[in-house]
Amino acid sequence: MVLLEGPAGIAIGAGLAMAGAALATAWAQSAIGSSAMGTIAERPDQATKLIIWLAIPETIVILGFVIALLLTFQVAAA
């Protein structure tokens, strides 16, 4: 079995970091979004709080992006 070493392994790691973060965010927002729409239909005064809850999973993508950037900068430095 060939292990990916050097820039190729780091590039694949950066891609997996972004893909994993994007999938996790999509999964979280699908559950939160459907629940939020049901709640807003019954209680419109809760809309502001629920929009904040929808924005929280986006931090997962930002974290994945930062990890991918750090890995990419490591390739550039090597």
Protein backbone atom coordinates (compact mmCIF):
# COMPACT_ATOMS: atom_id res chain seq x y z
CA MET A 1 0.00 0.00 0.00
CA VAL A 2 1.41 3.35 -1.01
CA LEU A 3 1.09 6.14 1.52
CA LEU A 4 0.65 9.63 0.24
CA GLU A 5 3.55 11.67 1.48
CA GLY A 6 4.57 15.24 0.97
CA PRO A 7 2.44 17.77 -0.88
CA ALA A 8 -0.01 15.20 -2.26
CA GLY A 9 -1.01 13.93 1.17
CA ILE A 10 -1.35 17.44 2.55
CA ALA A 11 -3.48 18.53 -0.42
CA ILE A 12 -5.79 15.56 0.05
CA GLY A 13 -5.99 16.36 3.76
CA ALA A 14 -6.96 19.95 2.97
CA GLY A 15 -9.65 18.74 0.58
CA LEU A 16 -11.01 16.30 3.14
CA ALA A 17 -11.08 19.06 5.77
CA MET A 18 -13.24 21.24 3.53
CA ALA A 19 -15.47 18.37 2.38
CA GLY A 20 -16.03 17.12 5.91
CA ALA A 21 -16.82 20.60 7.19
CA ALA A 22 -19.23 21.29 4.35
CA LEU A 23 -21.08 17.99 4.82
CA ALA A 24 -21.32 18.47 8.58
CA THR A 25 -22.71 21.97 8.12
CA ALA A 26 -25.26 20.82 5.54
CA TRP A 27 -26.43 18.05 7.85
CA ALA A 28 -26.76 20.40 10.82
CA GLN A 29 -28.50 23.15 8.88
CA SER A 30 -31.00 20.76 7.34
CA ALA A 31 -32.24 19.73 10.77
CA ILE A 32 -32.12 23.23 12.21
CA GLY A 33 -33.71 24.82 9.14
CA SER A 34 -36.74 22.58 9.00
CA SER A 35 -37.33 22.96 12.73
CA ALA A 36 -36.87 26.72 12.53
CA MET A 37 -39.39 27.11 9.73
CA GLY A 38 -41.98 25.16 11.70
CA THR A 39 -41.35 27.30 14.76
CA ILE A 40 -41.49 30.56 12.80
CA ALA A 41 -44.82 29.50 11.30
CA GLU A 42 -46.26 29.13 14.80
CA ARG A 43 -44.30 31.85 16.65
CA PRO A 44 -43.00 34.63 14.36
CA ASP A 45 -41.53 36.52 17.34
CA GLN A 46 -38.81 33.84 17.59
CA ALA A 47 -37.44 34.52 14.08
CA THR A 48 -34.37 36.49 15.18
CA LYS A 49 -33.23 33.82 17.61
CA LEU A 50 -33.71 31.09 15.03
CA ILE A 51 -31.74 32.94 12.36
CA ILE A 52 -28.83 33.04 14.80
CA TRP A 53 -29.21 29.27 15.32
CA LEU A 54 -29.03 28.84 11.54
CA ALA A 55 -25.79 30.85 11.38
CA ILE A 56 -23.97 28.88 14.10
CA PRO A 57 -23.19 25.80 11.94
CA GLU A 58 -21.43 28.06 9.43
CA THR A 59 -18.57 28.26 11.92
CA ILE A 60 -17.88 24.60 11.11
CA VAL A 61 -17.18 25.53 7.49
CA ILE A 62 -15.00 28.44 8.59
CA LEU A 63 -13.00 26.07 10.80
CA GLY A 64 -12.59 23.61 7.91
CA PHE A 65 -11.47 26.46 5.67
CA VAL A 66 -8.88 27.60 8.21
CA ILE A 67 -7.53 24.05 8.54
CA ALA A 68 -7.34 23.74 4.76
CA LEU A 69 -5.48 27.05 4.54
CA LEU A 70 -3.02 26.01 7.23
CA LEU A 71 -2.34 22.77 5.38
CA THR A 72 -1.97 24.59 2.08
CA PHE A 73 0.49 27.06 3.60
CA GLN A 74 2.45 24.10 4.94
CA VAL A 75 2.75 22.77 1.37
CA ALA A 76 3.92 26.17 0.15
CA ALA A 77 6.56 26.34 2.88
CA ALA A 78 7.91 22.86 2.10
